[in-house]
Amino acid sequence: MNQQETTTPSAPTKKQVRKEIFEKLTGALAEYKQDLGEKKLATHVKKVSRLISRDLLRISKKNQEKAKKQSPKKAGKKSVKTSQVKTNP
C-alpha cells in the first residue's frame, strides 16, 4: 500500500521565506541586471533577502508568543480561609 503523509499548513521555514523574497526582488529589480551584471545583482539580492527573512521570522515568532500568552487560562477556585473570631456572650 502506498501511504502518503499529509502535512498541515504550518508557518513557512526560513528557506521558503528567503526564496520567496529572492524571487520577488529579482523580478522587481530585473531592469538593473544589465547595469550591475547578473552575478552582482544576485549576490546583493541574496544578502537583502536573508536580512528581510530573518526579521520577518522574528516578528512572526514574537506574535505567536504573544498570542499564546494572551490565551484565556482556566481560573482555579481559591479556598478562602475565614478566621475564627471568638464572641463574648
N, C-alpha and C. Protein backbone atom coordinates (compact mmCIF):
# COMPACT_ATOMS: atom_id res chain seq x y z
N MET A 1 0.83 -1.18 0.00
CA MET A 1 0.00 0.00 0.00
C MET A 1 0.88 1.24 0.00
N ASN A 2 0.41 2.23 -0.64
CA ASN A 2 1.12 3.49 -0.71
C ASN A 2 0.55 4.44 0.35
N GLN A 3 1.38 4.76 1.31
CA GLN A 3 0.93 5.66 2.37
C GLN A 3 1.58 7.01 2.17
N GLN A 4 0.75 8.01 2.10
CA GLN A 4 1.25 9.36 1.94
C GLN A 4 0.99 10.13 3.22
N GLU A 5 2.00 10.82 3.64
CA GLU A 5 1.85 11.65 4.83
C GLU A 5 1.32 13.01 4.41
N THR A 6 0.27 13.42 5.07
CA THR A 6 -0.27 14.73 4.77
C THR A 6 0.25 15.71 5.81
N THR A 7 0.78 16.79 5.33
CA THR A 7 1.30 17.79 6.24
C THR A 7 0.28 18.92 6.36
N THR A 8 0.14 19.40 7.54
CA THR A 8 -0.76 20.52 7.76
C THR A 8 -0.04 21.79 7.40
N PRO A 9 -0.74 22.75 6.86
CA PRO A 9 -0.07 24.01 6.51
C PRO A 9 0.41 24.71 7.77
N SER A 10 1.70 24.85 7.87
CA SER A 10 2.28 25.48 9.04
C SER A 10 3.05 26.72 8.60
N ALA A 11 3.70 27.32 9.53
CA ALA A 11 4.47 28.52 9.24
C ALA A 11 5.60 28.16 8.27
N PRO A 12 5.85 29.02 7.31
CA PRO A 12 6.91 28.73 6.34
C PRO A 12 8.28 28.73 7.02
N THR A 13 9.18 27.95 6.47
CA THR A 13 10.52 27.85 7.02
C THR A 13 11.37 29.02 6.54
N LYS A 14 12.54 29.15 7.14
CA LYS A 14 13.45 30.23 6.75
C LYS A 14 13.77 30.16 5.26
N LYS A 15 14.05 28.96 4.82
CA LYS A 15 14.46 28.77 3.44
C LYS A 15 13.35 29.16 2.46
N GLN A 16 12.11 28.79 2.78
CA GLN A 16 10.99 29.11 1.91
C GLN A 16 10.77 30.63 1.85
N VAL A 17 10.85 31.28 2.99
CA VAL A 17 10.65 32.73 3.03
C VAL A 17 11.76 33.42 2.25
N ARG A 18 12.98 32.97 2.46
CA ARG A 18 14.12 33.57 1.77
C ARG A 18 13.98 33.41 0.25
N LYS A 19 13.56 32.23 -0.22
CA LYS A 19 13.40 32.01 -1.65
C LYS A 19 12.31 32.90 -2.24
N GLU A 20 11.20 33.05 -1.51
CA GLU A 20 10.11 33.90 -2.00
C GLU A 20 10.58 35.34 -2.14
N ILE A 21 11.28 35.83 -1.13
CA ILE A 21 11.77 37.21 -1.16
C ILE A 21 12.77 37.37 -2.29
N PHE A 22 13.66 36.41 -2.46
CA PHE A 22 14.67 36.45 -3.52
C PHE A 22 14.00 36.55 -4.89
N GLU A 23 12.98 35.73 -5.11
CA GLU A 23 12.30 35.73 -6.40
C GLU A 23 11.59 37.06 -6.65
N LYS A 24 10.94 37.59 -5.62
CA LYS A 24 10.21 38.85 -5.79
C LYS A 24 11.17 40.01 -6.07
N LEU A 25 12.27 40.05 -5.34
CA LEU A 25 13.24 41.13 -5.55
C LEU A 25 13.92 41.01 -6.91
N THR A 26 14.22 39.80 -7.30
CA THR A 26 14.87 39.60 -8.60
C THR A 26 13.95 40.08 -9.72
N GLY A 27 12.68 39.76 -9.60
CA GLY A 27 11.72 40.22 -10.61
C GLY A 27 11.56 41.72 -10.62
N ALA A 28 11.54 42.31 -9.43
CA ALA A 28 11.35 43.76 -9.33
C ALA A 28 12.57 44.53 -9.81
N LEU A 29 13.74 43.97 -9.62
CA LEU A 29 14.98 44.67 -9.99
C LEU A 29 15.59 44.14 -11.28
N ALA A 30 14.80 43.53 -12.13
CA ALA A 30 15.30 42.93 -13.37
C ALA A 30 15.93 43.98 -14.29
N GLU A 31 15.44 45.20 -14.26
CA GLU A 31 15.97 46.23 -15.16
C GLU A 31 17.40 46.64 -14.81
N TYR A 32 17.81 46.38 -13.57
CA TYR A 32 19.17 46.72 -13.16
C TYR A 32 20.18 45.61 -13.44
N LYS A 33 19.69 44.51 -13.98
CA LYS A 33 20.55 43.36 -14.26
C LYS A 33 21.65 43.72 -15.26
N GLN A 34 21.32 44.52 -16.25
CA GLN A 34 22.31 44.90 -17.26
C GLN A 34 23.35 45.85 -16.68
N ASP A 35 22.92 46.74 -15.82
CA ASP A 35 23.86 47.73 -15.26
C ASP A 35 24.85 47.07 -14.30
N LEU A 36 24.35 46.28 -13.38
CA LEU A 36 25.22 45.67 -12.37
C LEU A 36 25.86 44.37 -12.83
N GLY A 37 25.18 43.68 -13.64
CA GLY A 37 25.64 42.35 -14.02
C GLY A 37 24.82 41.32 -13.26
N GLU A 38 24.67 40.16 -13.86
CA GLU A 38 23.79 39.14 -13.27
C GLU A 38 24.32 38.63 -11.93
N LYS A 39 25.62 38.40 -11.84
CA LYS A 39 26.21 37.86 -10.61
C LYS A 39 26.11 38.85 -9.45
N LYS A 40 26.47 40.10 -9.70
CA LYS A 40 26.44 41.10 -8.63
C LYS A 40 25.03 41.32 -8.13
N LEU A 41 24.08 41.41 -9.04
CA LEU A 41 22.69 41.61 -8.64
C LEU A 41 22.21 40.44 -7.80
N ALA A 42 22.53 39.22 -8.23
CA ALA A 42 22.10 38.04 -7.48
C ALA A 42 22.72 38.02 -6.08
N THR A 43 23.98 38.43 -5.98
CA THR A 43 24.65 38.46 -4.68
C THR A 43 23.99 39.46 -3.74
N HIS A 44 23.73 40.65 -4.25
CA HIS A 44 23.12 41.69 -3.42
C HIS A 44 21.69 41.32 -3.01
N VAL A 45 20.94 40.78 -3.95
CA VAL A 45 19.57 40.38 -3.65
C VAL A 45 19.56 39.25 -2.63
N LYS A 46 20.51 38.35 -2.72
CA LYS A 46 20.60 37.24 -1.78
C LYS A 46 20.84 37.76 -0.36
N LYS A 47 21.75 38.72 -0.23
CA LYS A 47 22.04 39.30 1.09
C LYS A 47 20.81 40.00 1.68
N VAL A 48 20.15 40.77 0.85
CA VAL A 48 18.97 41.50 1.30
C VAL A 48 17.85 40.54 1.68
N SER A 49 17.66 39.49 0.91
CA SER A 49 16.60 38.54 1.21
C SER A 49 16.87 37.81 2.53
N ARG A 50 18.12 37.56 2.84
CA ARG A 50 18.47 36.95 4.13
C ARG A 50 18.08 37.87 5.28
N LEU A 51 18.44 39.14 5.16
CA LEU A 51 18.14 40.10 6.22
C LEU A 51 16.63 40.25 6.43
N ILE A 52 15.91 40.40 5.35
CA ILE A 52 14.46 40.60 5.44
C ILE A 52 13.78 39.36 6.01
N SER A 53 14.17 38.18 5.54
CA SER A 53 13.53 36.95 6.02
C SER A 53 13.80 36.73 7.50
N ARG A 54 15.01 37.06 7.94
CA ARG A 54 15.35 36.89 9.36
C ARG A 54 14.45 37.78 10.23
N ASP A 55 14.28 39.02 9.81
CA ASP A 55 13.45 39.94 10.57
C ASP A 55 11.97 39.53 10.54
N LEU A 56 11.49 39.08 9.40
CA LEU A 56 10.10 38.65 9.30
C LEU A 56 9.82 37.46 10.21
N LEU A 57 10.74 36.52 10.26
CA LEU A 57 10.54 35.34 11.10
C LEU A 57 10.59 35.70 12.57
N ARG A 58 11.44 36.65 12.94
CA ARG A 58 11.49 37.10 14.34
C ARG A 58 10.17 37.73 14.76
N ILE A 59 9.65 38.57 13.91
CA ILE A 59 8.40 39.25 14.22
C ILE A 59 7.26 38.25 14.32
N SER A 60 7.19 37.31 13.39
CA SER A 60 6.11 36.33 13.44
C SER A 60 6.23 35.44 14.68
N LYS A 61 7.45 35.15 15.09
CA LYS A 61 7.66 34.34 16.29
C LYS A 61 7.19 35.09 17.53
N LYS A 62 7.50 36.39 17.60
CA LYS A 62 7.05 37.20 18.73
C LYS A 62 5.53 37.27 18.79
N ASN A 63 4.90 37.42 17.62
CA ASN A 63 3.44 37.49 17.58
C ASN A 63 2.80 36.19 18.04
N GLN A 64 3.40 35.07 17.70
CA GLN A 64 2.88 33.78 18.14
C GLN A 64 3.02 33.63 19.64
N GLU A 65 4.13 34.08 20.20
CA GLU A 65 4.33 34.00 21.64
C GLU A 65 3.33 34.89 22.38
N LYS A 66 3.06 36.06 21.84
CA LYS A 66 2.09 36.96 22.47
C LYS A 66 0.70 36.35 22.43
N ALA A 67 0.37 35.70 21.34
CA ALA A 67 -0.95 35.09 21.21
C ALA A 67 -1.11 33.95 22.23
N LYS A 68 -0.05 33.21 22.46
CA LYS A 68 -0.11 32.12 23.43
C LYS A 68 -0.28 32.66 24.84
N LYS A 69 0.40 33.76 25.15
CA LYS A 69 0.32 34.35 26.48
C LYS A 69 -1.07 34.94 26.73
N GLN A 70 -1.70 35.46 25.72
CA GLN A 70 -2.99 36.11 25.88
C GLN A 70 -4.16 35.13 25.88
N SER A 71 -3.90 33.87 25.58
CA SER A 71 -4.99 32.91 25.56
C SER A 71 -5.57 32.78 26.96
N PRO A 72 -6.87 32.65 27.06
CA PRO A 72 -7.51 32.61 28.39
C PRO A 72 -7.11 31.36 29.16
N LYS A 73 -6.84 31.57 30.42
CA LYS A 73 -6.46 30.46 31.29
C LYS A 73 -7.65 30.14 32.18
N LYS A 74 -7.74 28.89 32.56
CA LYS A 74 -8.81 28.49 33.46
C LYS A 74 -8.47 28.98 34.86
N ALA A 75 -9.42 29.65 35.45
CA ALA A 75 -9.21 30.17 36.79
C ALA A 75 -9.56 29.09 37.80
N GLY A 76 -8.62 28.79 38.66
CA GLY A 76 -8.85 27.78 39.69
C GLY A 76 -9.57 28.41 40.87
N LYS A 77 -10.35 27.61 41.55
CA LYS A 77 -11.05 28.13 42.72
C LYS A 77 -10.09 28.22 43.88
N LYS A 78 -10.10 29.34 44.53
CA LYS A 78 -9.24 29.53 45.69
C LYS A 78 -10.06 29.28 46.94
N SER A 79 -9.50 28.56 47.83
CA SER A 79 -10.21 28.33 49.08
C SER A 79 -9.90 29.49 50.02
N VAL A 80 -10.93 30.09 50.51
CA VAL A 80 -10.78 31.25 51.38
C VAL A 80 -10.93 30.77 52.82
N LYS A 81 -9.92 31.03 53.59
CA LYS A 81 -9.97 30.64 54.99
C LYS A 81 -10.55 31.81 55.79
N THR A 82 -11.52 31.48 56.59
CA THR A 82 -12.10 32.52 57.44
C THR A 82 -11.50 32.39 58.82
N SER A 83 -11.14 33.49 59.35
CA SER A 83 -10.55 33.45 60.68
C SER A 83 -11.68 33.30 61.70
N GLN A 84 -11.40 32.51 62.68
CA GLN A 84 -12.42 32.27 63.70
C GLN A 84 -12.32 33.37 64.75
N VAL A 85 -13.41 34.04 64.92
CA VAL A 85 -13.44 35.14 65.87
C VAL A 85 -14.26 34.68 67.06
N LYS A 86 -13.68 34.85 68.25
CA LYS A 86 -14.40 34.45 69.45
C LYS A 86 -15.32 35.58 69.85
N THR A 87 -16.54 35.21 70.11
CA THR A 87 -17.51 36.21 70.55
C THR A 87 -17.76 36.06 72.03
N ASN A 88 -17.89 37.14 72.71
CA ASN A 88 -18.16 37.11 74.14
C ASN A 88 -19.67 37.07 74.37
N PRO A 89 -20.17 36.05 75.07
CA PRO A 89 -21.62 36.02 75.33
C PRO A 89 -22.03 36.89 76.48
